[in-house]
Protein backbone atom coordinates (compact mmCIF):
# COMPACT_ATOMS: atom_id res chain seq x y z
CA MET A 1 0.05 0.33 -0.19
CA GLY A 2 2.54 2.09 1.12
CA SER A 3 4.65 1.68 -2.36
CA ASP A 4 1.66 2.21 -4.13
CA LEU A 5 1.08 5.11 -2.54
CA SER A 6 4.57 6.52 -3.27
CA VAL A 7 4.13 5.93 -6.83
CA ARG A 8 0.77 7.77 -6.74
CA ARG A 9 2.32 10.58 -5.15
CA THR A 10 5.33 11.07 -7.61
CA PHE A 11 3.06 10.79 -10.57
CA ALA A 12 0.84 13.33 -8.76
CA LEU A 13 3.99 15.61 -8.74
CA ALA A 14 4.63 15.10 -12.13
CA PHE A 15 2.03 16.02 -13.80
CA VAL A 16 1.56 18.92 -11.57
CA ALA A 17 4.92 20.25 -12.71
CA LEU A 18 4.19 19.41 -16.03
CA LEU A 19 1.29 21.61 -16.16
CA VAL A 20 2.90 24.29 -14.68
CA PHE A 21 5.91 23.94 -16.53
CA ALA A 22 3.77 23.79 -19.82
CA ALA A 23 1.44 26.60 -19.11
CA GLY A 24 4.40 29.11 -19.05
CA SER A 25 6.55 27.06 -21.59
CA SER A 26 4.68 28.54 -24.78
CA LEU A 27 6.10 31.79 -23.23
CA ALA A 28 9.01 31.50 -21.92
CA PHE A 29 10.95 29.10 -23.98
CA ASP A 30 9.36 29.33 -27.81
CA PRO A 31 12.12 28.28 -29.99
CA VAL A 32 12.04 30.99 -32.37
CA ASP A 33 11.25 34.21 -30.24
CA ASP A 34 13.50 33.31 -27.28
CA GLY A 35 16.78 32.93 -28.86
CA SER A 36 16.66 29.10 -28.71
CA LEU A 37 18.00 28.89 -32.15
CA GLY A 38 20.88 31.01 -32.07
CA PRO A 39 25.22 31.57 -31.33
CA GLY A 40 26.62 30.30 -28.55
CA THR A 41 30.92 30.38 -28.17
CA LEU A 42 31.89 32.26 -31.59
CA ASP A 43 35.75 32.19 -31.27
CA ARG A 44 35.85 31.42 -35.24
CA GLN A 45 34.33 32.22 -37.99
CA PRO A 46 34.31 29.36 -40.54
CA SER A 47 34.47 30.13 -44.33
CA ASN A 48 31.04 28.95 -45.23
CA ALA A 49 27.44 28.31 -43.94
CA THR A 50 26.46 25.16 -41.83
CA VAL A 51 23.64 23.39 -42.51
CA VAL A 52 21.64 21.45 -39.76
CA SER A 53 18.44 18.85 -39.38
CA THR A 54 16.37 18.53 -36.50
CA GLN A 55 13.95 15.89 -35.51
CA GLY A 56 11.43 18.00 -33.76
CA VAL A 57 8.73 16.94 -31.36
CA HIS A 58 5.84 15.03 -31.80
CA PHE A 59 2.56 13.72 -29.95
CA ALA A 60 0.68 10.47 -31.00
CA GLY A 61 2.23 11.20 -34.64
CA GLN A 62 1.55 14.30 -34.99
CA VAL A 63 4.27 17.18 -35.23
CA ASP A 64 4.02 19.65 -32.37
CA ARG A 65 4.39 22.96 -34.49
CA SER A 66 5.95 24.97 -31.15
CA ARG A 67 8.64 22.49 -32.19
CA PRO A 68 8.62 21.13 -35.34
CA PRO A 69 11.07 19.30 -37.57
CA ARG A 70 13.55 21.84 -39.34
CA LEU A 71 16.38 22.52 -41.94
CA LEU A 72 18.47 25.32 -40.39
CA SER A 73 21.39 27.40 -42.44
CA ILE A 74 23.42 28.98 -39.94
CA ASP A 75 26.14 31.59 -41.42
CA PRO A 76 29.69 31.74 -40.13
CA ASP A 77 28.69 34.91 -37.78
CA GLY A 78 26.24 32.33 -36.09
CA ASP A 79 23.37 33.99 -38.05
CA LEU A 80 20.68 32.14 -38.91
CA ARG A 81 20.47 32.28 -42.66
CA TRP A 82 16.69 30.47 -43.24
CA GLN A 83 15.21 27.60 -41.39
CA TYR A 84 12.73 24.92 -43.67
CA GLU A 85 10.03 22.90 -42.24
CA GLY A 86 8.55 21.68 -45.70
CA ASP A 87 5.12 20.43 -44.81
CA HIS A 88 5.90 19.05 -40.93
CA GLY A 89 5.14 22.97 -40.36
CA GLU A 90 1.78 22.34 -41.16
CA GLY A 91 1.00 19.01 -39.28
CA ALA A 92 2.00 16.43 -41.27
CA GLY A 93 4.13 13.67 -39.51
CA GLY A 94 7.45 12.52 -39.83
CA TRP A 95 11.25 13.94 -39.08
CA PHE A 96 14.28 15.28 -40.79
CA TYR A 97 17.26 12.54 -40.66
CA ASP A 98 20.21 12.75 -43.11
CA ILE A 99 20.96 15.88 -45.07
CA ASP A 100 24.05 16.07 -47.74
CA PRO A 101 25.54 18.70 -49.86
CA LEU A 102 25.33 17.74 -53.27
CA PRO A 103 28.07 18.73 -55.71
CA ASN A 104 26.10 21.14 -56.97
CA GLY A 105 25.47 22.86 -53.87
CA ASN A 106 22.24 21.44 -53.34
CA LEU A 107 21.04 19.40 -50.38
CA LEU A 108 20.07 15.46 -50.30
CA VAL A 109 17.11 15.48 -47.53
CA VAL A 110 15.84 12.40 -45.87
CA SER A 111 12.43 13.07 -44.31
CA PRO A 112 10.83 9.76 -43.15
CA ARG A 113 6.86 9.74 -42.40
CA GLY A 114 4.29 6.87 -41.96
CA GLY A 115 5.10 3.84 -43.78
CA GLU A 116 7.27 5.48 -45.93
CA THR A 117 10.56 8.05 -46.42
CA LEU A 118 10.51 10.96 -48.84
CA VAL A 119 14.01 11.35 -50.33
CA TYR A 120 14.70 14.61 -51.80
CA GLU A 121 16.74 17.30 -53.47
CA LEU A 122 16.45 20.55 -51.78
CA ASP A 123 17.70 24.06 -53.68
CA ARG A 124 19.23 25.56 -51.22
CA GLU A 125 18.29 28.95 -52.24
CA THR A 126 14.68 28.51 -53.04
CA ARG A 127 13.90 26.13 -50.78
CA GLU A 128 12.17 24.33 -53.13
CA ARG A 129 12.72 20.54 -54.10
CA VAL A 130 14.59 19.74 -57.34
CA TRP A 131 13.08 15.86 -57.53
CA THR A 132 11.18 13.56 -55.10
CA GLU A 133 11.65 9.85 -54.51
CA ARG A 134 8.83 7.91 -52.39
CA LEU A 135 10.76 4.98 -51.17
CA PRO A 136 8.82 2.01 -49.62
CA PHE A 137 10.85 1.72 -46.39
CA ARG A 138 9.85 3.28 -42.96
CA ASP A 139 11.61 5.39 -41.02
CA THR A 140 14.80 4.86 -42.75
CA HIS A 141 17.67 7.53 -41.29
CA ASP A 142 20.26 7.52 -44.66
CA VAL A 143 20.07 7.84 -47.45
CA ASP A 144 23.25 8.45 -50.29
CA ARG A 145 23.28 9.05 -54.00
CA LEU A 146 25.64 7.13 -55.69
CA ASP A 147 27.61 8.55 -58.68
CA ASP A 148 25.64 6.95 -61.27
CA GLY A 149 22.72 8.85 -59.53
CA ARG A 150 20.53 5.50 -57.73
CA LEU A 151 20.49 5.78 -53.99
CA VAL A 152 22.18 4.08 -51.28
CA VAL A 153 19.60 3.23 -48.36
CA ALA A 154 20.15 2.12 -45.17
CA HIS A 155 16.77 0.05 -44.42
CA MET A 156 16.31 -1.25 -41.04
CA ARG A 157 12.93 -2.64 -41.08
CA ALA A 158 11.25 -6.30 -40.45
CA ASP A 159 8.64 -7.10 -43.12
CA VAL A 160 5.25 -6.89 -40.72
CA ASP A 161 3.07 -9.60 -42.52
CA ASN A 162 5.46 -12.30 -41.72
CA GLY A 163 7.60 -11.22 -38.73
CA THR A 164 10.87 -11.99 -40.23
CA SER A 165 13.69 -9.44 -41.02
CA ARG A 166 14.05 -7.57 -43.70
CA ASP A 167 17.04 -4.86 -42.39
CA ARG A 168 19.48 -5.04 -45.25
CA ILE A 169 21.23 -2.39 -47.44
CA VAL A 170 19.80 -1.79 -50.74
CA VAL A 171 20.43 0.00 -54.14
CA TRP A 172 17.47 1.64 -55.41
CA ASN A 173 17.02 2.46 -59.40
CA ARG A 174 15.28 5.93 -59.38
CA SER A 175 14.60 5.60 -62.93
CA ARG A 176 12.78 1.90 -62.78
CA SER A 177 11.45 2.63 -58.95
CA GLU A 178 13.14 -1.00 -57.63
CA VAL A 179 15.81 -2.19 -55.63
CA THR A 180 18.93 -3.48 -58.32
CA TRP A 181 20.94 -4.58 -55.41
CA GLU A 182 20.28 -5.86 -51.64
CA TRP A 183 22.63 -7.16 -48.53
CA ARG A 184 20.87 -8.37 -46.03
CA PHE A 185 21.92 -8.65 -42.25
CA ALA A 186 20.15 -12.03 -41.53
CA ASP A 187 22.81 -13.45 -43.96
CA HIS A 188 26.04 -12.49 -42.15
CA PHE A 189 24.32 -12.22 -38.43
CA PRO A 190 22.63 -14.94 -35.94
CA ALA A 191 19.33 -14.73 -35.32
CA ASP A 192 19.99 -14.29 -31.52
CA THR A 193 22.13 -11.05 -32.12
CA ASP A 194 21.47 -8.30 -29.59
CA GLY A 195 18.47 -10.41 -28.53
CA GLY A 196 16.67 -11.69 -31.34
CA VAL A 197 15.50 -10.51 -34.37
CA ASP A 198 11.89 -7.98 -33.97
CA ASP A 199 11.03 -4.90 -35.63
CA ASP A 200 13.76 -3.18 -34.81
CA TRP A 201 16.28 -5.19 -34.99
CA THR A 202 19.44 -4.01 -36.10
CA HIS A 203 18.56 -0.38 -36.67
CA VAL A 204 20.51 0.62 -38.94
CA ASN A 205 20.94 4.35 -38.80
CA ASP A 206 23.76 5.15 -41.74
CA VAL A 207 25.52 3.89 -44.69
CA ASP A 208 28.42 5.89 -46.70
CA PRO A 209 29.74 4.77 -50.17
CA VAL A 210 33.98 4.18 -49.39
CA GLY A 211 35.64 4.02 -52.81
CA GLU A 212 34.27 2.44 -55.47
CA ASP A 213 33.00 -0.98 -54.38
CA ARG A 214 32.48 -0.25 -50.33
CA LEU A 215 29.97 0.66 -48.09
CA LEU A 216 30.64 1.78 -44.48
CA VAL A 217 27.35 0.99 -42.71
CA SER A 218 25.87 1.30 -38.63
CA PRO A 219 23.94 -1.08 -37.26
CA ARG A 220 22.94 0.85 -34.00
CA ASN A 221 21.41 -2.34 -31.83
CA PHE A 222 24.45 -4.33 -32.18
CA ASP A 223 26.78 -1.78 -31.23
CA GLN A 224 29.24 -1.97 -34.63
CA VAL A 225 30.44 -0.60 -37.64
CA LEU A 226 31.17 -2.52 -40.68
CA LEU A 227 32.95 -2.08 -44.11
CA ILE A 228 31.17 -4.20 -46.84
CA ASN A 229 32.36 -4.98 -49.91
CA ARG A 230 29.82 -4.77 -52.28
CA THR A 231 31.08 -7.24 -54.71
CA THR A 232 31.69 -10.02 -52.71
CA GLY A 233 28.67 -9.30 -49.89
CA ASP A 234 31.77 -10.08 -47.39
CA ILE A 235 32.54 -8.11 -43.88
CA GLU A 236 35.73 -6.51 -44.33
CA MET A 237 36.26 -4.89 -41.49
CA ARG A 238 34.01 -4.49 -38.07
CA LEU A 239 34.37 -2.46 -35.66
CA GLY A 240 32.52 -3.15 -32.27
CA ARG A 241 30.73 -6.62 -31.05
CA ASP A 242 27.41 -6.99 -29.78
CA GLY A 243 27.26 -6.12 -26.27
CA ASN A 244 30.96 -4.91 -25.77
CA THR A 245 29.38 -1.44 -25.16
CA ASP A 246 33.04 0.03 -24.42
CA ILE A 247 33.69 -0.30 -27.78
CA LEU A 248 31.02 1.42 -29.33
CA HIS A 249 27.19 1.58 -27.55
CA ALA A 250 24.21 2.52 -30.10
CA GLN A 251 26.38 4.60 -32.44
CA HIS A 252 25.49 6.63 -35.18
CA ASN A 253 27.18 8.26 -38.33
CA PRO A 254 30.85 6.54 -38.66
CA ASP A 255 33.13 8.39 -41.00
CA TYR A 256 35.78 6.71 -42.64
CA LEU A 257 39.46 7.96 -42.75
CA ARG A 258 43.05 7.15 -44.03
CA GLY A 259 45.44 7.75 -41.58
CA PRO A 260 49.03 7.61 -42.07
CA ASN A 261 50.46 4.71 -45.13
CA GLY A 262 46.55 4.46 -45.47
CA THR A 263 45.84 2.99 -42.03
CA PRO A 264 41.90 2.32 -41.89
CA THR A 265 40.32 4.91 -39.51
CA VAL A 266 36.71 5.57 -37.99
CA LEU A 267 34.94 8.78 -36.93
CA VAL A 268 32.59 8.40 -34.94
CA ALA A 269 29.65 9.54 -32.53
CA ASP A 270 29.65 6.96 -29.74
CA SER A 271 25.94 8.27 -28.52
CA GLU A 272 24.86 6.09 -25.66
CA ASN A 273 28.73 6.48 -24.15
CA ASP A 274 28.11 10.33 -24.56
CA ARG A 275 31.46 10.83 -26.72
CA VAL A 276 33.10 10.94 -29.84
CA VAL A 277 35.89 8.55 -30.41
CA GLU A 278 38.06 7.92 -33.60
CA TYR A 279 39.53 4.21 -33.97
CA ALA A 280 42.75 3.08 -35.88
CA ARG A 281 43.04 -0.20 -37.17
CA ARG A 282 46.68 -2.15 -36.26
CA GLY A 283 46.86 -5.57 -37.98
CA ASP A 284 43.85 -7.56 -37.09
CA SER A 285 43.13 -5.12 -34.36
CA TRP A 286 41.52 -1.60 -33.63
CA GLU A 287 43.15 0.77 -31.35
CA ARG A 288 40.98 3.81 -29.93
CA THR A 289 43.42 6.53 -30.59
CA TRP A 290 41.14 9.61 -29.98
CA THR A 291 38.44 10.36 -27.40
CA LEU A 292 35.76 13.29 -26.57
CA THR A 293 34.08 13.54 -23.89
CA GLY A 294 32.46 15.36 -21.18
CA ASN A 295 29.76 18.13 -21.46
CA LEU A 296 27.94 15.84 -24.59
CA THR A 297 24.40 14.45 -24.22
CA TRP A 298 24.06 11.80 -26.87
CA PRO A 299 25.78 12.82 -30.03
CA ARG A 300 24.81 12.05 -33.06
CA ASP A 301 27.10 13.23 -36.02
CA ALA A 302 30.66 14.15 -35.85
CA ASP A 303 32.40 15.30 -39.05
CA ARG A 304 36.55 15.99 -39.19
CA LEU A 305 37.10 19.48 -41.13
CA PRO A 306 39.81 19.84 -43.40
CA ASN A 307 41.28 22.34 -40.51
CA GLY A 308 41.32 19.77 -38.48
CA ASN A 309 38.72 20.53 -36.13
CA THR A 310 35.87 18.32 -35.86
CA LEU A 311 31.96 19.55 -36.00
CA VAL A 312 29.32 17.74 -33.23
CA VAL A 313 26.60 17.18 -32.81
CA ASP A 314 25.26 16.95 -29.54
CA SER A 315 21.66 16.23 -29.99
CA LEU A 316 19.89 15.93 -26.12
CA GLY A 317 22.05 19.54 -25.70
CA HIS A 318 20.52 20.95 -28.63
CA ARG A 319 23.34 22.27 -29.87
CA VAL A 320 26.10 21.89 -32.71
CA ILE A 321 29.56 22.57 -32.02
CA GLU A 322 33.29 22.82 -33.65
CA VAL A 323 36.18 21.56 -31.36
CA THR A 324 39.72 21.88 -31.95
CA PRO A 325 41.56 18.33 -31.65
CA THR A 326 42.03 19.27 -27.85
CA GLY A 327 38.39 19.47 -27.19
CA ARG A 328 37.74 23.39 -27.11
CA ILE A 329 34.70 24.90 -28.73
CA VAL A 330 35.37 27.49 -31.26
CA TRP A 331 32.15 27.49 -32.81
CA GLU A 332 28.53 27.09 -31.02
CA PHE A 333 24.98 27.25 -32.01
CA TYR A 334 21.89 26.21 -30.11
CA ALA A 335 19.62 24.07 -32.72
CA THR A 336 16.26 22.94 -31.29
CA TRP A 337 14.78 20.67 -30.82
CA ALA A 338 17.06 17.44 -31.43
CA PRO A 339 19.84 18.04 -33.97
CA TYR A 340 20.55 14.99 -35.71
CA ASP A 341 23.08 15.90 -38.33
CA ALA A 342 25.44 19.03 -39.19
CA GLU A 343 27.69 19.36 -42.56
CA ARG A 344 29.83 22.58 -42.92
CA LEU A 345 29.44 23.89 -46.52
CA GLY A 346 31.93 23.31 -48.96
CA THR A 347 34.33 20.60 -46.73
CA GLY A 348 32.15 17.84 -48.82
CA ASP A 349 30.17 15.34 -47.49
CA GLY A 350 31.16 14.23 -44.38
CA SER A 351 34.72 13.89 -43.27
CA ASN A 352 37.38 15.12 -45.29
CA GLY A 353 40.18 15.95 -42.52
CA PRO A 354 43.02 14.25 -40.80
CA THR A 355 43.22 11.73 -38.31
CA ALA A 356 43.99 12.42 -34.59
CA VAL A 357 47.33 10.51 -35.44
CA GLU A 358 48.19 12.88 -38.34
CA LEU A 359 47.51 15.87 -36.07
CA ASN A 360 49.71 14.69 -33.31
CA GLU A 361 46.57 14.97 -30.54
CA THR A 362 45.59 11.30 -29.66
CA GLY A 363 44.42 10.62 -26.33
CA THR A 364 41.64 11.90 -24.36
CA HIS A 365 40.29 15.60 -24.49
CA VAL A 366 37.11 17.04 -22.61
CA VAL A 367 34.73 19.25 -24.54
CA HIS A 368 35.20 23.48 -23.41
CA GLY A 369 34.75 26.79 -23.57
CA GLY A 370 30.60 26.48 -24.38
CA ALA A 371 28.38 29.51 -23.78
CA GLY A 372 25.86 27.27 -21.61
CA GLU A 373 26.16 28.27 -17.73
CA SER A 374 25.42 24.58 -16.87
CA PRO A 375 27.47 21.30 -18.48
CA GLY A 376 26.21 19.60 -21.67
CA ALA A 377 22.81 21.68 -23.12
CA GLY A 378 23.53 25.15 -21.46
CA ARG A 379 21.65 28.21 -20.88
CA ARG A 380 18.93 28.43 -23.64
CA THR A 381 16.66 25.20 -23.34
CA PRO A 382 14.14 24.74 -20.98
CA ASP A 383 15.06 21.39 -20.04
CA ALA A 384 18.65 22.70 -18.75
CA TRP A 385 16.75 25.01 -16.77
CA LEU A 386 14.38 23.39 -15.13
CA ASP A 387 17.09 20.88 -14.23
CA ARG A 388 18.99 23.80 -12.79
CA HIS A 389 16.07 25.04 -10.91
CA THR A 390 14.79 22.45 -9.31
CA ASP A 391 18.24 21.17 -8.34
CA GLY A 392 18.21 20.25 -4.34
CA LEU A 393 13.89 20.48 -3.71
CA ALA A 394 11.00 17.83 -2.89
CA ILE A 395 10.07 17.73 -6.83
CA GLU A 396 13.70 17.32 -7.90
CA ARG A 397 12.95 13.93 -8.77
CA PRO A 398 9.93 14.28 -11.03
CA ALA A 399 11.38 17.35 -12.60
CA ALA A 400 14.39 16.00 -13.92
CA ALA A 401 11.93 12.83 -15.57
CA LEU A 402 9.89 15.98 -17.38
CA ALA A 403 13.41 17.98 -18.12
CA ALA A 404 14.42 14.50 -19.73
CA TRP A 405 10.99 14.13 -21.50
CA TRP A 406 11.54 18.02 -22.87
CA GLY A 407 14.78 17.41 -24.14
CA ALA A 408 13.58 14.82 -25.69
CA PRO A 409 12.38 14.33 -29.44
CA GLY A 410 9.57 11.26 -29.60
CA PRO A 411 5.87 11.46 -29.13
CA VAL A 412 4.43 9.89 -26.22
CA VAL A 413 5.37 11.56 -22.37
CA PRO A 414 4.30 8.74 -20.43
CA ALA A 415 6.67 6.30 -20.88
CA ARG A 416 9.03 8.92 -20.57
CA VAL A 417 8.39 10.20 -17.65
CA ALA A 418 7.53 6.94 -16.11
CA VAL A 419 10.91 5.72 -16.54
CA ALA A 420 13.23 8.87 -15.33
CA VAL A 421 11.19 8.75 -12.81
CA GLY A 422 12.66 5.06 -12.09
CA LEU A 423 9.01 3.33 -12.36
CA SER A 424 9.47 1.06 -14.72
CA ARG A 425 12.45 -1.74 -15.21
CA ASP A 426 14.28 -2.51 -17.77
CA HIS A 427 13.81 -4.10 -20.58
CA PRO A 428 15.45 -7.55 -20.78
CA ARG A 429 17.11 -5.97 -24.00
CA ARG A 430 19.10 -2.91 -22.96
CA ARG A 431 17.18 -0.28 -22.17
CA ARG A 432 19.11 2.83 -23.51
CA ARG A 433 18.62 6.62 -23.57
CA ARG A 434 17.17 6.15 -26.67
CA ASP A 435 13.98 4.71 -25.48
CA LEU A 436 13.61 8.13 -23.94
CA ALA A 437 14.51 10.47 -26.50
CA ASP A 438 13.24 8.59 -29.71
CA GLY A 439 9.78 7.48 -30.14
CA GLY A 440 6.99 6.34 -27.98
CA GLY A 441 10.10 5.68 -25.15
CA VAL A 442 9.61 2.25 -26.51
CA LEU A 443 10.27 2.07 -30.60
CA ALA A 444 13.49 3.64 -31.16
CA VAL A 445 13.90 6.77 -34.33
CA GLY A 446 16.83 8.06 -33.71
């Protein structure tokens, strides 16, 4: 009885706090009017603009119009040049994931909604679509354009009709609207990997062409990055191991670099470990050569720039930062809500810079120099404000739950609040922060 009463009181506190906080939030934390889209530290001005994709916030499959998904273009001096919501701002479901600069200056945009994924070329100046492809794949995170115009797609969902895995990498022919090549995870991994096949078995969230016939692939739920030979179908290199979260833990957006003498190197946002890491391959094993940690909350993208700095998307810090090899922030932009991908225009797609070994800056470095008053998200986001102003008070625990909800992009409040307050047991399969931050608290989308 006492336990039930305690639970009810906790929920009551959380509910009251939610009502009070929500009542004032539209005035205090409007994502446009309060400056939550704006610069932080600006110690260095890059040569070109930075483009960012954000997921926004959703309720019951509908976009919260006060916190919509959007694409942002930020000038070197930190001014917001434009923001683009597409049809999300009118209430259409879905969000933005990967965004790639194309050789002609336009952007390749990935935007899932419902049971399909829209991929389109967006004119960066007019914000009009040049072409649109509707892929019959649900919740696809990454699509890249190959040199011949075909699309390589990270397809992560099961066949809902018969319950079998269809997690795969495919090449999509736009002129014929069909798959012309595929690589199936079920052909290369035991069915009991990560607890067994389900609707979100691999959660493969990234695929990047490497040279003419290789693909760098990120099955997030397997805690691994793979280099696949498209011709033979073989896995040529494997970084990480399912369940060994010391190496990688639910990573996002790995990039392939070549170090001294062509050393294979991977730079990756190690999301659940709240860090960015770089690994170099020595013989048959991998050595972690660089770690960026501290003051990061669920980073989901990291690009090595030609100048040796790294552009990092600090997703639940709601910001994009450029850091030196030793972790000092030299450029910072707060980009609510839940930024996913960022690209510095004029530097190519993804990473096109030197490795940590080439920079002679190996080791572990702490992120520092941000404009925020508190570590992580900083002064511009309401979740950080709530954390800071309820610290030590009787409502601290439910307030922390609400802060976790507020800082997250997904749709369902009760599941998040229950988990964050500690009322929900861990799922038999590892519960990760993504379960709080992604759609529905249980169905992961990030």
